[in-house]
Amino acid sequence: IIKTALPNMDREAKEEYFVVIQAKDMGGHMGGLSGTTTVTITLTDVNDNPPKFAQSLYHFSVMEDVALGEPIGRVKANDLDIGENAKSSYDIIEGDGMDIFEITTDAQTQDGVIRVRKPLDFETKKSYTLKVEAANIHIDPRFISGGPFKDTATVKIVVEDADEPPVFSSPTYLLEVHENAAINSVIGQVTAHDPDVSSSPIRFSIDRHTDLERQFNINAEDGKITLATPLDRETNMWHNITIVATETSKYLCILKFCCFYSHYF
């Protein structure tokens, strides 16, 4: 019968022992013959170690136009135990971005993967601070007094500005114009703005594929729409044209709207 000689053996310090056992006849007295064998003793794991983050503070940066569900960073809580005893789950327990971000466990690496769950906006909020927790999934009641079997770390996320296209003040415009309106008269105006902090100038234009007869013009600077050719309600009551707003740098935004002509009284 082989018994342990010391209490509190630690697998994490030494996992395997080789013990040579001797058997001797004549009750072990002098002159007896003996034989030996080697016994390999392997310590199995118990969950007696909590997870521990590799660092207390993590820094990540993300572009504001990142796709929802896209991973933006990983954190790692190491556990000296193995197998099921080393598995942890991750949660966001505090912070100003609990509804913006989520964290899940990578089953292969046991990393905590941080993802975006709601759209980011650099112009509204430029950074977030989260407190994440890693907790063992399988707790051994025999070692509960050695807990808690969890650890926390702080995650700081910086949102970086992305060059965004212009935004019209309204998704559609409805203009009502008398059919006898004078040529070059202003029949309406559209407005758009650059949502970026470093606002770029915007120029307006008409998509001529939607105005083949070139009945309308638009002032590139202020978005005022003028009449280029006479209108005839009996010939065409509606015109649907597309306005394009373009940043002088590169981005554009397209708006479709309608013009309605009333009878001339």
Protein backbone atom coordinates (compact mmCIF):
# COMPACT_ATOMS: atom_id res chain seq x y z
CA ILE A 1 0.00 0.00 0.00
CA ILE A 2 1.51 3.27 -1.12
CA LYS A 3 0.50 6.39 0.77
CA THR A 4 1.40 10.03 0.54
CA ALA A 5 3.96 11.18 3.05
CA LEU A 6 3.18 14.91 2.87
CA PRO A 7 -0.11 16.83 2.76
CA ASN A 8 -1.20 19.30 0.07
CA MET A 9 0.62 17.85 -2.91
CA ASP A 10 0.68 20.32 -5.80
CA ARG A 11 0.33 19.07 -9.39
CA GLU A 12 1.27 22.49 -10.70
CA ALA A 13 4.67 22.20 -8.94
CA LYS A 14 5.35 18.52 -9.74
CA GLU A 15 2.99 16.33 -11.72
CA GLU A 16 4.80 13.00 -11.85
CA TYR A 17 6.82 10.89 -9.39
CA PHE A 18 8.87 7.73 -9.94
CA VAL A 19 9.08 5.52 -6.84
CA VAL A 20 11.25 2.40 -6.61
CA ILE A 21 9.60 -0.28 -4.47
CA GLN A 22 11.64 -3.13 -2.99
CA ALA A 23 10.19 -6.44 -1.89
CA LYS A 24 12.41 -8.58 0.38
CA ASP A 25 11.81 -12.09 1.63
CA MET A 26 12.69 -13.50 5.06
CA GLY A 27 10.51 -10.77 6.45
CA GLY A 28 13.05 -8.21 5.41
CA HIS A 29 15.81 -9.68 7.59
CA MET A 30 19.47 -9.79 6.68
CA GLY A 31 20.27 -12.42 4.08
CA GLY A 32 16.89 -12.24 2.43
CA LEU A 33 16.56 -11.96 -1.33
CA SER A 34 14.88 -8.92 -2.86
CA GLY A 35 13.32 -7.60 -6.06
CA THR A 36 12.44 -4.07 -7.14
CA THR A 37 9.90 -2.38 -9.37
CA THR A 38 9.34 1.22 -10.35
CA VAL A 39 5.96 2.80 -9.73
CA THR A 40 4.97 5.92 -11.67
CA ILE A 41 2.63 8.16 -9.73
CA THR A 42 0.82 10.90 -11.66
CA LEU A 43 -1.15 13.56 -9.82
CA THR A 44 -4.52 14.34 -11.36
CA ASP A 45 -5.72 17.91 -11.48
CA VAL A 46 -8.24 19.55 -9.17
CA ASN A 47 -9.57 23.06 -9.54
CA ASP A 48 -7.52 24.76 -6.87
CA ASN A 49 -6.26 27.72 -8.92
CA PRO A 50 -8.24 30.76 -10.08
CA PRO A 51 -7.87 32.34 -13.53
CA LYS A 52 -5.49 35.28 -13.62
CA PHE A 53 -5.33 37.97 -16.29
CA ALA A 54 -1.93 38.36 -17.91
CA GLN A 55 -2.21 42.12 -17.36
CA SER A 56 -4.50 44.39 -15.38
CA LEU A 57 -5.02 46.93 -18.17
CA TYR A 58 -5.62 46.37 -21.89
CA HIS A 59 -5.66 49.04 -24.60
CA PHE A 60 -7.42 48.64 -27.94
CA SER A 61 -8.33 51.01 -30.76
CA VAL A 62 -11.10 50.57 -33.32
CA MET A 63 -12.33 52.51 -36.33
CA GLU A 64 -15.80 53.96 -35.90
CA ASP A 65 -17.04 52.25 -39.08
CA VAL A 66 -16.11 48.74 -37.91
CA ALA A 67 -18.68 46.10 -38.85
CA LEU A 68 -20.97 44.85 -36.09
CA GLY A 69 -19.77 41.55 -34.64
CA GLU A 70 -16.19 42.19 -35.70
CA PRO A 71 -13.55 41.25 -33.09
CA ILE A 72 -11.60 44.28 -31.91
CA GLY A 73 -9.32 42.68 -29.31
CA ARG A 74 -8.56 39.70 -27.11
CA VAL A 75 -7.84 39.37 -23.41
CA LYS A 76 -6.42 36.33 -21.68
CA ALA A 77 -6.88 34.92 -18.18
CA ASN A 78 -4.40 32.13 -17.52
CA ASP A 79 -5.25 29.23 -15.24
CA LEU A 80 -2.61 26.88 -13.86
CA ASP A 81 -5.12 24.05 -13.83
CA ILE A 82 -5.78 21.92 -16.92
CA GLY A 83 -8.74 20.53 -18.82
CA GLU A 84 -12.19 21.40 -17.59
CA ASN A 85 -10.73 22.98 -14.47
CA ALA A 86 -8.96 25.61 -16.58
CA LYS A 87 -12.02 26.73 -18.53
CA SER A 88 -13.32 30.22 -17.83
CA SER A 89 -16.19 32.38 -19.03
CA TYR A 90 -15.82 36.10 -19.67
CA ASP A 91 -18.27 38.88 -18.89
CA ILE A 92 -18.37 42.68 -18.99
CA ILE A 93 -19.42 43.63 -15.47
CA GLU A 94 -18.91 47.41 -15.45
CA GLY A 95 -18.23 50.31 -17.78
CA ASP A 96 -19.71 52.92 -20.05
CA GLY A 97 -19.89 50.57 -23.04
CA MET A 98 -21.72 47.56 -21.64
CA ASP A 99 -24.44 47.92 -24.29
CA ILE A 100 -21.95 48.72 -27.07
CA PHE A 101 -19.52 45.81 -26.69
CA GLU A 102 -19.74 42.13 -25.81
CA ILE A 103 -17.16 39.52 -24.82
CA THR A 104 -17.27 35.82 -25.60
CA THR A 105 -14.95 32.89 -24.89
CA ASP A 106 -12.87 31.34 -27.66
CA ALA A 107 -13.33 27.64 -26.99
CA GLN A 108 -9.99 26.75 -28.58
CA THR A 109 -7.69 29.30 -26.95
CA GLN A 110 -9.74 30.26 -23.89
CA ASP A 111 -9.28 33.91 -24.85
CA GLY A 112 -11.93 36.53 -24.19
CA VAL A 113 -12.89 38.01 -27.57
CA ILE A 114 -14.30 41.55 -27.50
CA ARG A 115 -16.73 42.45 -30.29
CA VAL A 116 -18.81 45.45 -31.29
CA ARG A 117 -22.56 44.95 -30.92
CA LYS A 118 -23.79 48.49 -31.70
CA PRO A 119 -22.55 51.14 -34.16
CA LEU A 120 -19.76 53.44 -32.98
CA ASP A 121 -19.63 57.18 -33.59
CA PHE A 122 -16.35 59.02 -33.08
CA GLU A 123 -18.13 62.37 -33.11
CA THR A 124 -20.39 61.30 -30.21
CA LYS A 125 -17.99 59.29 -28.02
CA LYS A 126 -14.27 58.81 -28.54
CA SER A 127 -13.39 56.24 -25.87
CA TYR A 128 -14.86 53.58 -23.58
CA THR A 129 -13.69 51.92 -20.37
CA LEU A 130 -14.85 48.40 -19.51
CA LYS A 131 -14.26 46.09 -16.59
CA VAL A 132 -14.15 42.46 -17.68
CA GLU A 133 -14.26 39.39 -15.50
CA ALA A 134 -12.97 35.86 -16.08
CA ALA A 135 -14.53 33.19 -13.87
CA ASN A 136 -13.98 29.44 -13.69
CA ILE A 137 -16.88 27.46 -15.10
CA HIS A 138 -16.38 24.36 -12.94
CA ILE A 139 -15.90 25.09 -9.24
CA ASP A 140 -14.77 22.33 -6.85
CA PRO A 141 -16.67 22.76 -3.54
CA ARG A 142 -13.70 21.32 -1.65
CA PHE A 143 -11.62 24.36 -2.53
CA ILE A 144 -14.27 27.06 -2.43
CA SER A 145 -12.59 28.62 0.61
CA GLY A 146 -9.51 29.26 -1.53
CA GLY A 147 -11.54 31.47 -3.91
CA PRO A 148 -12.74 33.60 -5.46
CA PHE A 149 -12.12 31.66 -8.64
CA LYS A 150 -12.27 34.71 -10.86
CA ASP A 151 -10.26 37.80 -11.78
CA THR A 152 -10.94 41.19 -13.35
CA ALA A 153 -9.12 43.52 -15.73
CA THR A 154 -9.76 46.97 -17.20
CA VAL A 155 -10.15 47.43 -20.94
CA LYS A 156 -9.81 50.87 -22.53
CA ILE A 157 -11.10 51.20 -26.10
CA VAL A 158 -10.30 54.25 -28.22
CA VAL A 159 -12.59 55.00 -31.18
CA GLU A 160 -10.75 56.35 -34.21
CA ASP A 161 -12.29 58.70 -36.73
CA ALA A 162 -13.29 57.34 -40.13
CA ASP A 163 -13.94 59.62 -43.08
CA GLU A 164 -17.70 59.45 -43.49
CA PRO A 165 -19.80 60.53 -46.48
CA PRO A 166 -22.01 63.63 -46.36
CA VAL A 167 -25.47 63.35 -44.82
CA PHE A 168 -28.53 65.13 -46.22
CA SER A 169 -30.76 66.97 -43.79
CA SER A 170 -33.68 64.90 -45.09
CA PRO A 171 -33.71 61.50 -46.83
CA THR A 172 -36.21 62.82 -49.41
CA TYR A 173 -37.52 66.20 -50.52
CA LEU A 174 -40.93 66.94 -52.02
CA LEU A 175 -41.11 70.17 -54.01
CA GLU A 176 -44.30 71.69 -55.41
CA VAL A 177 -43.80 73.91 -58.45
CA HIS A 178 -46.24 75.84 -60.66
CA GLU A 179 -46.02 74.73 -64.26
CA ASN A 180 -45.56 78.34 -65.40
CA ALA A 181 -42.55 78.92 -63.14
CA ALA A 182 -39.95 81.15 -64.75
CA ILE A 183 -36.75 79.75 -66.17
CA ASN A 184 -33.84 80.03 -63.69
CA SER A 185 -36.25 80.53 -60.79
CA VAL A 186 -35.34 78.79 -57.54
CA ILE A 187 -37.80 75.95 -56.89
CA GLY A 188 -36.19 74.48 -53.78
CA GLN A 189 -32.99 73.79 -51.88
CA VAL A 190 -31.27 70.77 -50.40
CA THR A 191 -28.75 70.81 -47.57
CA ALA A 192 -26.14 68.32 -46.39
CA HIS A 193 -23.33 68.27 -43.86
CA ASP A 194 -20.11 66.38 -43.26
CA PRO A 195 -20.46 64.42 -39.99
CA ASP A 196 -16.69 64.28 -39.48
CA VAL A 197 -14.99 66.52 -36.94
CA SER A 198 -12.75 67.94 -39.65
CA SER A 199 -15.70 68.99 -41.80
CA SER A 200 -15.00 69.14 -45.53
CA PRO A 201 -16.72 71.44 -48.02
CA ILE A 202 -19.60 69.82 -49.94
CA ARG A 203 -20.59 70.24 -53.57
CA PHE A 204 -23.96 69.33 -55.05
CA SER A 205 -24.81 67.93 -58.47
CA ILE A 206 -27.70 66.30 -60.31
CA ASP A 207 -27.40 62.73 -61.54
CA ARG A 208 -28.22 63.40 -65.17
CA HIS A 209 -29.34 59.82 -65.68
CA THR A 210 -32.42 60.87 -63.70
CA ASP A 211 -32.80 64.18 -65.57
CA LEU A 212 -32.11 63.28 -69.19
CA GLU A 213 -33.94 66.33 -70.53
CA ARG A 214 -31.90 68.59 -68.21
CA GLN A 215 -34.95 70.38 -66.90
CA PHE A 216 -33.26 71.28 -63.60
CA ASN A 217 -29.99 72.78 -62.44
CA ILE A 218 -28.45 72.92 -58.98
CA ASN A 219 -26.02 75.39 -57.46
CA ALA A 220 -22.97 73.32 -56.55
CA GLU A 221 -22.21 75.49 -53.54
CA ASP A 222 -25.54 76.06 -51.75
CA GLY A 223 -27.80 73.29 -53.13
CA LYS A 224 -30.42 75.64 -54.63
CA ILE A 225 -32.38 73.96 -57.42
CA THR A 226 -33.45 76.08 -60.38
CA LEU A 227 -35.64 75.47 -63.41
CA ALA A 228 -33.72 75.07 -66.69
CA THR A 229 -36.57 74.43 -69.17
CA PRO A 230 -40.33 75.11 -69.15
CA LEU A 231 -42.62 72.67 -67.36
CA ASP A 232 -45.87 71.19 -68.64
CA ARG A 233 -48.08 69.47 -66.09
CA GLU A 234 -50.20 67.82 -68.80
CA THR A 235 -47.09 66.21 -70.31
CA ASN A 236 -45.38 65.14 -67.11
CA MET A 237 -46.86 65.67 -63.68
CA TRP A 238 -43.93 64.20 -61.70
CA HIS A 239 -40.19 64.32 -61.97
CA ASN A 240 -38.00 62.12 -59.79
CA ILE A 241 -34.40 63.27 -59.78
CA THR A 242 -31.32 62.26 -57.82
CA ILE A 243 -29.06 64.78 -56.10
CA VAL A 244 -25.46 63.90 -55.29
CA ALA A 245 -23.57 65.52 -52.39
CA THR A 246 -19.81 65.11 -52.66
CA GLU A 247 -17.06 65.98 -50.20
CA THR A 248 -14.37 67.92 -51.98
CA SER A 249 -12.02 65.24 -50.60
CA LYS A 250 -13.63 62.04 -51.93
CA TYR A 251 -16.90 60.82 -50.41
CA LEU A 252 -20.39 61.29 -51.79
CA CYS A 253 -23.96 60.77 -50.70
CA ILE A 254 -26.92 60.27 -53.06
CA LEU A 255 -30.43 61.55 -52.46
CA LYS A 256 -33.54 60.86 -54.50
CA PHE A 257 -36.45 63.29 -54.35
CA CYS A 258 -39.60 64.29 -56.24
CA CYS A 259 -40.89 67.50 -57.75
CA PHE A 260 -44.66 68.02 -58.07
CA TYR A 261 -46.21 70.55 -60.43
CA SER A 262 -49.55 72.17 -59.64
CA HIS A 263 -51.95 73.70 -62.11
CA TYR A 264 -51.40 77.30 -63.07
CA PHE A 265 -54.24 79.44 -61.78
